[in-house]
Amino acid sequence: MRLRVIGRDPLPEAWTPQGAPHVWLLRIDDRAPWRPEEYERVLDAQERTRAAGFVRPLHRERYVASHMALRQLLGAYTGTSPEAVALVREPCPGCGELHGRPAVAGSPPRLHFNLSHAGDLALLAFADTPVGADVERRQPDSVVADVSRLLHPKETEELDALPPARRAPAFARCWTRKEAYLKGTGTGLSEAPSVTYVGTGPAPVSPPGWTLTDVAVGEGYAGALAVRERADTP
């Protein structure tokens, strides 16, 4: 897996099913904010409403930048203009309502994608099977102490056994793996974080049928990718 950087690597060509996922990193603060007259003609009504709802301009700018990047990449993969990309939601595997994995209406066969953003970073993943991506800022010790109680019991034990200075990085690894997996399955946090074990150590523990990979996204952040194994995988 190679991490591509938006603005440094060229936009992709049309999507064809392939084995290795495409993973892109956007450093939002590297470019000037999008002007309303630029993004309002590209984003759909739901995205424009969401963007307008942010109280702080910084949060709006980061939301807009990540969704503009998603549309640029999807436009390149599907051979359409970014504003013509019709984003939809797949049925939730739990309740059947249309709030599951994001998708593109009428997209090429086996084009799956996911987007995550935190701080000034956005992580975008594209694969030929369902995929989940997550990027998170490392949390302060007080947050780690509280939220680690919600993890799988074995993960909580692993964190408790670590020296205090190593807990925050280990927690960040674990949480991004868990989020990426749950986004990949489409269930999100309707599944409690305590259910699926992904590990806190240097190497992730992949749930059955999935492959988890840590993504090095920069100091102070953690990133992870979850890709569902293909049916023809040995």
Protein backbone atom coordinates (compact mmCIF):
# COMPACT_ATOMS: atom_id res chain seq x y z
CA MET A 1 0.00 0.00 0.00
CA ARG A 2 1.35 3.40 -1.02
CA LEU A 3 0.08 6.57 0.62
CA ARG A 4 -0.65 9.19 -2.04
CA VAL A 5 -0.77 12.89 -1.10
CA ILE A 6 -3.42 15.11 -2.67
CA GLY A 7 -1.79 18.09 -4.34
CA ARG A 8 1.53 16.28 -4.76
CA ASP A 9 0.56 13.09 -6.60
CA PRO A 10 -1.39 13.36 -9.89
CA LEU A 11 -5.11 12.64 -9.94
CA PRO A 12 -5.88 9.00 -10.77
CA GLU A 13 -7.13 7.57 -14.03
CA ALA A 14 -10.45 5.75 -14.46
CA TRP A 15 -11.08 3.04 -11.87
CA THR A 16 -10.54 -0.60 -12.70
CA PRO A 17 -10.96 -3.37 -10.12
CA GLN A 18 -7.58 -4.23 -8.64
CA GLY A 19 -6.08 -5.81 -5.56
CA ALA A 20 -4.32 -2.96 -3.76
CA PRO A 21 -6.43 -0.15 -2.28
CA HIS A 22 -5.67 3.46 -3.17
CA VAL A 23 -5.09 5.56 -0.05
CA TRP A 24 -4.86 9.36 -0.23
CA LEU A 25 -3.86 11.90 2.42
CA LEU A 26 -4.95 15.54 2.29
CA ARG A 27 -3.11 18.11 4.37
CA ILE A 28 -5.88 20.67 4.50
CA ASP A 29 -3.81 23.59 5.76
CA ASP A 30 -1.42 23.30 2.80
CA ARG A 31 -3.82 25.16 0.53
CA ALA A 32 -5.94 28.32 0.77
CA PRO A 33 -9.54 27.75 1.89
CA TRP A 34 -12.11 27.13 -0.83
CA ARG A 35 -14.28 30.18 -1.51
CA PRO A 36 -18.07 29.74 -1.28
CA GLU A 37 -18.51 30.49 -4.99
CA GLU A 38 -16.09 27.63 -5.71
CA TYR A 39 -17.47 24.89 -3.48
CA GLU A 40 -21.19 25.70 -3.56
CA ARG A 41 -21.42 24.76 -7.24
CA VAL A 42 -19.67 21.40 -6.60
CA LEU A 43 -21.09 20.12 -3.32
CA ASP A 44 -24.62 18.71 -3.26
CA ALA A 45 -27.48 20.15 -1.23
CA GLN A 46 -26.82 17.94 1.80
CA GLU A 47 -23.12 18.84 1.85
CA ARG A 48 -23.87 22.55 1.47
CA THR A 49 -26.33 22.38 4.36
CA ARG A 50 -23.78 20.61 6.52
CA ALA A 51 -21.09 23.14 5.62
CA ALA A 52 -23.37 26.06 6.44
CA GLY A 53 -24.16 24.54 9.84
CA PHE A 54 -20.64 24.88 11.23
CA VAL A 55 -20.30 27.76 13.70
CA ARG A 56 -16.53 28.03 13.43
CA PRO A 57 -15.10 28.94 10.00
CA LEU A 58 -12.14 26.60 10.59
CA HIS A 59 -14.42 23.58 10.94
CA ARG A 60 -16.34 24.60 7.82
CA GLU A 61 -13.11 24.98 5.84
CA ARG A 62 -11.89 21.53 6.85
CA TYR A 63 -15.21 19.89 6.05
CA VAL A 64 -15.37 21.59 2.66
CA ALA A 65 -11.74 20.76 1.81
CA SER A 66 -12.15 17.06 2.59
CA HIS A 67 -15.40 16.73 0.61
CA MET A 68 -14.03 18.68 -2.35
CA ALA A 69 -11.05 16.31 -2.36
CA LEU A 70 -13.40 13.30 -2.23
CA ARG A 71 -15.38 14.62 -5.19
CA GLN A 72 -12.25 15.39 -7.20
CA LEU A 73 -10.95 11.86 -6.72
CA LEU A 74 -14.32 10.21 -7.37
CA GLY A 75 -14.72 12.35 -10.48
CA ALA A 76 -11.34 11.19 -11.75
CA TYR A 77 -12.08 7.53 -10.96
CA THR A 78 -15.52 7.60 -12.58
CA GLY A 79 -14.69 9.86 -15.51
CA THR A 80 -17.19 12.55 -14.49
CA SER A 81 -16.96 16.09 -13.18
CA PRO A 82 -16.78 16.44 -9.37
CA GLU A 83 -20.16 18.17 -9.22
CA ALA A 84 -21.80 15.33 -11.18
CA VAL A 85 -20.83 12.69 -8.59
CA ALA A 86 -24.08 11.50 -6.97
CA LEU A 87 -23.34 10.43 -3.41
CA VAL A 88 -25.75 7.99 -1.76
CA ARG A 89 -25.83 5.71 1.27
CA GLU A 90 -26.07 1.94 1.24
CA PRO A 91 -28.53 0.15 3.56
CA CYS A 92 -27.36 -0.22 7.13
CA PRO A 93 -26.55 -3.89 7.79
CA GLY A 94 -28.25 -3.62 11.16
CA CYS A 95 -31.58 -1.92 10.44
CA GLY A 96 -31.76 -1.67 6.65
CA GLU A 97 -32.16 2.13 6.66
CA LEU A 98 -30.11 4.16 4.17
CA HIS A 99 -27.37 5.34 6.51
CA GLY A 100 -24.73 2.67 5.88
CA ARG A 101 -21.55 2.94 3.83
CA PRO A 102 -21.25 5.87 1.39
CA ALA A 103 -21.43 5.03 -2.31
CA VAL A 104 -21.70 6.64 -5.74
CA ALA A 105 -24.90 6.06 -7.69
CA GLY A 106 -24.10 4.23 -10.92
CA SER A 107 -20.40 3.91 -10.07
CA PRO A 108 -18.10 1.44 -11.84
CA PRO A 109 -18.23 -2.14 -10.56
CA ARG A 110 -16.32 -2.75 -7.36
CA LEU A 111 -15.54 0.87 -6.52
CA HIS A 112 -15.83 1.36 -2.77
CA PHE A 113 -14.57 4.35 -0.81
CA ASN A 114 -14.40 5.93 2.62
CA LEU A 115 -13.42 9.32 4.05
CA SER A 116 -12.23 10.39 7.48
CA HIS A 117 -10.94 13.76 8.63
CA ALA A 118 -9.49 15.06 11.88
CA GLY A 119 -7.70 18.31 12.55
CA ASP A 120 -5.95 19.43 9.38
CA LEU A 121 -5.81 15.92 7.86
CA ALA A 122 -8.22 13.92 5.71
CA LEU A 123 -7.70 10.26 4.84
CA LEU A 124 -9.48 8.83 1.80
CA ALA A 125 -9.48 5.18 0.72
CA PHE A 126 -10.70 3.45 -2.45
CA ALA A 127 -10.82 -0.31 -2.97
CA ASP A 128 -12.53 -3.05 -4.97
CA THR A 129 -14.23 -4.39 -1.83
CA PRO A 130 -15.86 -2.51 1.08
CA VAL A 131 -13.31 -0.31 2.83
CA GLY A 132 -13.14 1.85 5.94
CA ALA A 133 -10.63 4.56 6.81
CA ASP A 134 -10.06 6.52 9.99
CA VAL A 135 -7.67 9.25 11.10
CA GLU A 136 -7.63 10.67 14.60
CA ARG A 137 -5.61 13.09 16.65
CA ARG A 138 -3.86 11.59 19.64
CA GLN A 139 -5.91 12.25 22.73
CA PRO A 140 -4.75 13.56 26.13
CA ASP A 141 -4.19 11.08 28.92
CA SER A 142 -7.46 12.02 30.64
CA VAL A 143 -9.49 11.06 27.54
CA VAL A 144 -7.52 7.84 27.10
CA ALA A 145 -8.19 6.87 30.73
CA ASP A 146 -11.95 7.40 30.34
CA VAL A 147 -12.55 5.96 26.87
CA SER A 148 -10.26 2.94 27.26
CA ARG A 149 -12.89 1.50 29.63
CA LEU A 150 -15.20 1.20 26.61
CA LEU A 151 -12.85 -0.97 24.56
CA HIS A 152 -12.72 -4.75 24.30
CA PRO A 153 -11.71 -6.09 27.75
CA LYS A 154 -8.45 -7.47 26.37
CA GLU A 155 -7.58 -4.10 24.83
CA THR A 156 -8.27 -2.37 28.14
CA GLU A 157 -5.97 -4.83 29.87
CA GLU A 158 -3.23 -4.20 27.29
CA LEU A 159 -3.42 -0.44 27.82
CA ASP A 160 -3.40 -0.78 31.61
CA ALA A 161 -0.24 -2.88 31.38
CA LEU A 162 1.67 -0.17 29.48
CA PRO A 163 3.75 2.62 31.03
CA PRO A 164 1.71 5.86 31.08
CA ALA A 165 3.82 7.47 28.33
CA ARG A 166 2.94 4.68 25.88
CA ARG A 167 -0.79 4.52 26.46
CA ALA A 168 -1.91 7.44 24.27
CA PRO A 169 -0.19 6.17 21.09
CA ALA A 170 -1.44 2.63 21.73
CA PHE A 171 -4.98 3.86 22.33
CA ALA A 172 -4.87 5.91 19.11
CA ARG A 173 -3.79 2.83 17.14
CA CYS A 174 -6.59 0.78 18.63
CA TRP A 175 -9.32 3.38 18.18
CA THR A 176 -8.54 4.15 14.53
CA ARG A 177 -8.44 0.42 13.69
CA LYS A 178 -11.79 -0.05 15.38
CA GLU A 179 -13.37 2.97 13.66
CA ALA A 180 -12.00 1.94 10.25
CA TYR A 181 -13.41 -1.56 10.65
CA LEU A 182 -16.85 -0.38 11.79
CA LYS A 183 -17.01 2.15 8.97
CA GLY A 184 -16.05 -0.59 6.54
CA THR A 185 -18.82 -2.88 7.73
CA GLY A 186 -21.30 0.01 7.59
CA THR A 187 -22.45 -0.46 11.18
CA GLY A 188 -20.50 2.46 12.65
CA LEU A 189 -20.69 2.88 16.40
CA SER A 190 -24.05 1.12 16.53
CA GLU A 191 -21.71 -1.75 17.41
CA ALA A 192 -20.19 -1.08 20.81
CA PRO A 193 -16.38 -0.58 20.83
CA SER A 194 -16.13 -3.48 23.29
CA VAL A 195 -17.32 -6.12 20.80
CA THR A 196 -14.56 -6.55 18.20
CA TYR A 197 -10.94 -7.04 19.22
CA VAL A 198 -8.36 -5.24 17.03
CA GLY A 199 -5.45 -4.95 19.47
CA THR A 200 -3.39 -2.06 20.82
CA GLY A 201 0.08 -3.33 19.86
CA PRO A 202 2.29 -2.39 16.91
CA ALA A 203 0.53 -4.88 14.60
CA PRO A 204 -3.27 -4.86 14.25
CA VAL A 205 -5.37 -7.97 14.79
CA SER A 206 -7.73 -8.26 11.83
CA PRO A 207 -11.32 -9.45 12.40
CA PRO A 208 -12.37 -12.49 10.34
CA GLY A 209 -12.84 -11.61 6.68
CA TRP A 210 -11.09 -8.26 6.96
CA THR A 211 -7.55 -6.88 6.74
CA LEU A 212 -6.54 -4.04 9.05
CA THR A 213 -3.52 -1.86 8.27
CA ASP A 214 -2.07 1.04 10.23
CA VAL A 215 -1.40 4.13 8.08
CA ALA A 216 1.43 6.50 9.01
CA VAL A 217 -0.16 9.94 8.58
CA GLY A 218 2.14 12.19 10.60
CA GLU A 219 3.19 13.21 14.08
CA GLY A 220 0.37 13.58 16.57
CA TYR A 221 -2.10 11.54 14.50
CA ALA A 222 -2.96 7.90 13.94
CA GLY A 223 -4.57 6.36 10.87
CA ALA A 224 -5.93 2.96 9.90
CA LEU A 225 -7.47 1.17 6.95
CA ALA A 226 -9.89 -1.79 6.94
CA VAL A 227 -10.49 -3.72 3.71
CA ARG A 228 -12.88 -6.64 3.34
CA GLU A 229 -11.23 -9.69 1.83
CA ARG A 230 -12.39 -10.66 -1.66
CA ALA A 231 -14.44 -13.80 -2.06
CA ASP A 232 -11.73 -15.26 -4.28
CA THR A 233 -8.98 -14.67 -1.66
CA PRO A 234 -7.40 -18.02 -0.66
